[in-house]
N, C-alpha and C. Protein backbone atom coordinates (compact mmCIF):
# COMPACT_ATOMS: atom_id res chain seq x y z
N MET A 1 0.82 -1.19 0.00
CA MET A 1 0.00 0.00 0.00
C MET A 1 0.86 1.25 0.00
N LYS A 2 2.01 1.16 0.66
CA LYS A 2 2.89 2.32 0.72
C LYS A 2 3.37 2.71 -0.68
N VAL A 3 3.67 1.71 -1.51
CA VAL A 3 4.11 1.98 -2.88
C VAL A 3 3.03 2.73 -3.64
N ILE A 4 1.80 2.28 -3.55
CA ILE A 4 0.69 2.92 -4.27
C ILE A 4 0.39 4.30 -3.70
N ALA A 5 0.40 4.41 -2.38
CA ALA A 5 0.07 5.69 -1.74
C ALA A 5 1.09 6.78 -2.05
N THR A 6 2.33 6.40 -2.32
CA THR A 6 3.36 7.39 -2.57
C THR A 6 3.73 7.52 -4.05
N ALA A 7 3.05 6.78 -4.91
CA ALA A 7 3.35 6.79 -6.35
C ALA A 7 2.84 8.07 -7.00
N ASP A 8 3.51 8.46 -8.08
CA ASP A 8 3.05 9.61 -8.86
C ASP A 8 1.75 9.26 -9.56
N ILE A 9 0.85 10.21 -9.62
CA ILE A 9 -0.42 10.02 -10.33
C ILE A 9 -0.11 10.02 -11.83
N PRO A 10 -0.67 9.07 -12.57
CA PRO A 10 -0.38 9.01 -14.00
C PRO A 10 -0.92 10.23 -14.75
N VAL A 11 -0.21 10.59 -15.81
CA VAL A 11 -0.64 11.72 -16.63
C VAL A 11 -1.29 11.26 -17.93
N GLN A 12 -1.13 9.99 -18.27
CA GLN A 12 -1.75 9.46 -19.48
C GLN A 12 -3.22 9.14 -19.20
N PRO A 13 -4.14 9.66 -20.00
CA PRO A 13 -5.57 9.40 -19.77
C PRO A 13 -5.91 7.93 -19.70
N ARG A 14 -5.27 7.09 -20.52
CA ARG A 14 -5.61 5.66 -20.49
C ARG A 14 -5.23 5.03 -19.16
N ASP A 15 -4.15 5.51 -18.52
CA ASP A 15 -3.77 4.98 -17.21
C ASP A 15 -4.70 5.46 -16.12
N LEU A 16 -5.26 6.65 -16.26
CA LEU A 16 -6.22 7.15 -15.28
C LEU A 16 -7.51 6.36 -15.33
N LEU A 17 -7.90 5.88 -16.52
CA LEU A 17 -9.14 5.13 -16.67
C LEU A 17 -8.97 3.67 -16.27
N ALA A 18 -7.75 3.16 -16.31
CA ALA A 18 -7.51 1.75 -15.99
C ALA A 18 -6.66 1.68 -14.73
N GLU A 19 -7.27 1.96 -13.60
CA GLU A 19 -6.52 2.01 -12.35
C GLU A 19 -5.89 0.67 -12.00
N ASP A 20 -6.53 -0.44 -12.40
CA ASP A 20 -5.93 -1.74 -12.11
C ASP A 20 -4.65 -1.94 -12.90
N ARG A 21 -4.63 -1.47 -14.13
CA ARG A 21 -3.43 -1.56 -14.96
C ARG A 21 -2.31 -0.70 -14.35
N TRP A 22 -2.66 0.52 -13.98
CA TRP A 22 -1.68 1.42 -13.37
C TRP A 22 -1.13 0.83 -12.07
N THR A 23 -2.00 0.27 -11.26
CA THR A 23 -1.57 -0.33 -9.99
C THR A 23 -0.58 -1.46 -10.25
N GLY A 24 -0.92 -2.34 -11.18
CA GLY A 24 -0.02 -3.45 -11.51
C GLY A 24 1.33 -2.98 -12.02
N LYS A 25 1.31 -2.01 -12.92
CA LYS A 25 2.56 -1.47 -13.46
C LYS A 25 3.39 -0.79 -12.36
N THR A 26 2.74 -0.10 -11.46
CA THR A 26 3.43 0.59 -10.38
C THR A 26 4.08 -0.41 -9.42
N LEU A 27 3.35 -1.46 -9.06
CA LEU A 27 3.91 -2.48 -8.17
C LEU A 27 5.05 -3.23 -8.84
N LEU A 28 4.90 -3.53 -10.12
CA LEU A 28 5.96 -4.21 -10.87
C LEU A 28 7.23 -3.35 -10.91
N ALA A 29 7.06 -2.05 -11.16
CA ALA A 29 8.20 -1.13 -11.20
C ALA A 29 8.90 -1.05 -9.84
N ALA A 30 8.16 -1.31 -8.75
CA ALA A 30 8.73 -1.30 -7.41
C ALA A 30 9.38 -2.64 -7.05
N GLY A 31 9.36 -3.58 -8.01
CA GLY A 31 10.01 -4.87 -7.78
C GLY A 31 9.12 -5.95 -7.23
N MET A 32 7.83 -5.72 -7.17
CA MET A 32 6.91 -6.73 -6.65
C MET A 32 6.43 -7.61 -7.80
N GLN A 33 6.58 -8.91 -7.62
CA GLN A 33 6.16 -9.87 -8.62
C GLN A 33 4.83 -10.51 -8.20
N ALA A 34 3.98 -10.75 -9.16
CA ALA A 34 2.69 -11.38 -8.88
C ALA A 34 2.83 -12.90 -8.95
N ASP A 35 2.08 -13.59 -8.13
CA ASP A 35 2.01 -15.04 -8.21
C ASP A 35 0.94 -15.42 -9.21
N ALA A 36 1.19 -16.47 -9.95
CA ALA A 36 0.20 -16.95 -10.91
C ALA A 36 -0.94 -17.64 -10.18
N PHE A 37 -2.13 -17.51 -10.72
CA PHE A 37 -3.29 -18.20 -10.17
C PHE A 37 -3.34 -19.61 -10.72
N SER A 38 -3.72 -20.53 -9.90
CA SER A 38 -3.95 -21.90 -10.37
C SER A 38 -5.26 -21.94 -11.12
N PRO A 39 -5.41 -22.88 -12.07
CA PRO A 39 -6.69 -22.99 -12.78
C PRO A 39 -7.85 -23.15 -11.79
N GLY A 40 -8.91 -22.44 -12.03
CA GLY A 40 -10.09 -22.53 -11.18
C GLY A 40 -10.10 -21.56 -10.01
N MET A 41 -8.98 -20.84 -9.79
CA MET A 41 -8.93 -19.92 -8.65
C MET A 41 -9.65 -18.62 -8.93
N VAL A 42 -9.76 -18.23 -10.19
CA VAL A 42 -10.41 -16.97 -10.52
C VAL A 42 -11.86 -17.25 -10.87
N ARG A 43 -12.76 -16.56 -10.21
CA ARG A 43 -14.19 -16.75 -10.47
C ARG A 43 -14.86 -15.40 -10.56
N TRP A 44 -15.80 -15.27 -11.47
CA TRP A 44 -16.60 -14.06 -11.58
C TRP A 44 -17.92 -14.33 -10.88
N VAL A 45 -18.20 -13.54 -9.88
CA VAL A 45 -19.43 -13.71 -9.10
C VAL A 45 -20.09 -12.35 -9.01
N GLY A 46 -21.39 -12.31 -9.06
CA GLY A 46 -22.07 -11.06 -8.82
C GLY A 46 -22.87 -10.53 -9.99
N ARG A 47 -22.85 -11.23 -11.11
CA ARG A 47 -23.63 -10.74 -12.25
C ARG A 47 -25.12 -11.01 -12.09
N SER A 48 -25.45 -12.05 -11.36
CA SER A 48 -26.86 -12.38 -11.20
C SER A 48 -27.24 -12.27 -9.73
N ARG A 49 -28.51 -12.08 -9.50
CA ARG A 49 -29.04 -11.98 -8.15
C ARG A 49 -30.14 -13.02 -8.00
N PRO A 50 -30.35 -13.57 -6.83
CA PRO A 50 -29.60 -13.29 -5.61
C PRO A 50 -28.20 -13.90 -5.69
N LEU A 51 -27.31 -13.38 -4.85
CA LEU A 51 -25.96 -13.93 -4.78
C LEU A 51 -26.02 -15.33 -4.19
N PRO A 52 -25.04 -16.19 -4.51
CA PRO A 52 -25.04 -17.54 -3.94
C PRO A 52 -25.00 -17.51 -2.42
N ARG A 53 -25.67 -18.46 -1.81
CA ARG A 53 -25.70 -18.51 -0.35
C ARG A 53 -24.31 -18.75 0.24
N ASP A 54 -23.45 -19.46 -0.51
CA ASP A 54 -22.12 -19.80 -0.01
C ASP A 54 -21.06 -18.80 -0.48
N ILE A 55 -21.45 -17.55 -0.70
CA ILE A 55 -20.54 -16.55 -1.26
C ILE A 55 -19.30 -16.36 -0.39
N LYS A 56 -19.44 -16.40 0.93
CA LYS A 56 -18.29 -16.20 1.81
C LYS A 56 -17.31 -17.36 1.68
N GLU A 57 -17.81 -18.57 1.61
CA GLU A 57 -16.95 -19.74 1.43
C GLU A 57 -16.28 -19.71 0.05
N THR A 58 -17.03 -19.36 -0.97
CA THR A 58 -16.48 -19.24 -2.31
C THR A 58 -15.37 -18.21 -2.35
N ALA A 59 -15.58 -17.09 -1.70
CA ALA A 59 -14.60 -16.00 -1.69
C ALA A 59 -13.34 -16.39 -0.93
N SER A 60 -13.44 -17.28 0.02
CA SER A 60 -12.27 -17.66 0.80
C SER A 60 -11.37 -18.64 0.05
N ASN A 61 -11.88 -19.22 -1.04
CA ASN A 61 -11.12 -20.23 -1.77
C ASN A 61 -10.71 -19.79 -3.17
N ALA A 62 -10.92 -18.53 -3.51
CA ALA A 62 -10.64 -18.10 -4.88
C ALA A 62 -10.46 -16.60 -4.93
N PHE A 63 -9.87 -16.14 -6.01
CA PHE A 63 -9.84 -14.71 -6.30
C PHE A 63 -11.19 -14.38 -6.91
N ILE A 64 -11.92 -13.47 -6.32
CA ILE A 64 -13.28 -13.16 -6.75
C ILE A 64 -13.30 -11.80 -7.45
N ALA A 65 -13.92 -11.77 -8.59
CA ALA A 65 -14.17 -10.51 -9.27
C ALA A 65 -15.67 -10.40 -9.44
N GLY A 66 -16.21 -9.25 -9.22
CA GLY A 66 -17.65 -9.12 -9.34
C GLY A 66 -18.12 -7.71 -9.11
N GLU A 67 -19.40 -7.56 -9.24
CA GLU A 67 -20.04 -6.27 -9.05
C GLU A 67 -20.97 -6.39 -7.86
N PHE A 68 -20.62 -5.71 -6.77
CA PHE A 68 -21.38 -5.84 -5.55
C PHE A 68 -21.79 -4.47 -5.03
N THR A 69 -22.94 -4.41 -4.43
CA THR A 69 -23.40 -3.15 -3.85
C THR A 69 -22.82 -3.00 -2.45
N ALA A 70 -22.89 -1.80 -1.93
CA ALA A 70 -22.41 -1.56 -0.56
C ALA A 70 -23.18 -2.41 0.43
N GLU A 71 -24.46 -2.63 0.17
CA GLU A 71 -25.28 -3.44 1.08
C GLU A 71 -24.87 -4.91 1.05
N GLU A 72 -24.30 -5.38 -0.06
CA GLU A 72 -23.91 -6.78 -0.18
C GLU A 72 -22.52 -7.07 0.41
N MET A 73 -21.68 -6.07 0.56
CA MET A 73 -20.32 -6.27 1.01
C MET A 73 -20.22 -6.96 2.39
N PRO A 74 -21.12 -6.69 3.34
CA PRO A 74 -21.01 -7.40 4.62
C PRO A 74 -21.12 -8.91 4.50
N MET A 75 -21.67 -9.41 3.41
CA MET A 75 -21.74 -10.87 3.22
C MET A 75 -20.35 -11.48 3.20
N PHE A 76 -19.35 -10.72 2.82
CA PHE A 76 -17.99 -11.23 2.73
C PHE A 76 -17.21 -11.08 4.03
N TYR A 77 -17.58 -10.10 4.84
CA TYR A 77 -16.75 -9.73 5.98
C TYR A 77 -17.39 -9.95 7.34
N SER A 78 -18.61 -10.42 7.38
CA SER A 78 -19.25 -10.59 8.70
C SER A 78 -19.10 -12.00 9.18
């Protein structure tokens, strides 16, 4: 977090729109390497409602990408 918090803000419009890309490039430039995900570890959850009942268990076993509302976030952290 310190690397990101102290990094220069990008001046290229495409980097401003793709904050995940900028974050990855910034961490890489700081010498941080990413670990590869094993097959099946990445799951997209959240496109349909209701959310799965086992969402917390699913989230604990995989990298989760999805679209969640503020009201739904406690399902992951409570």
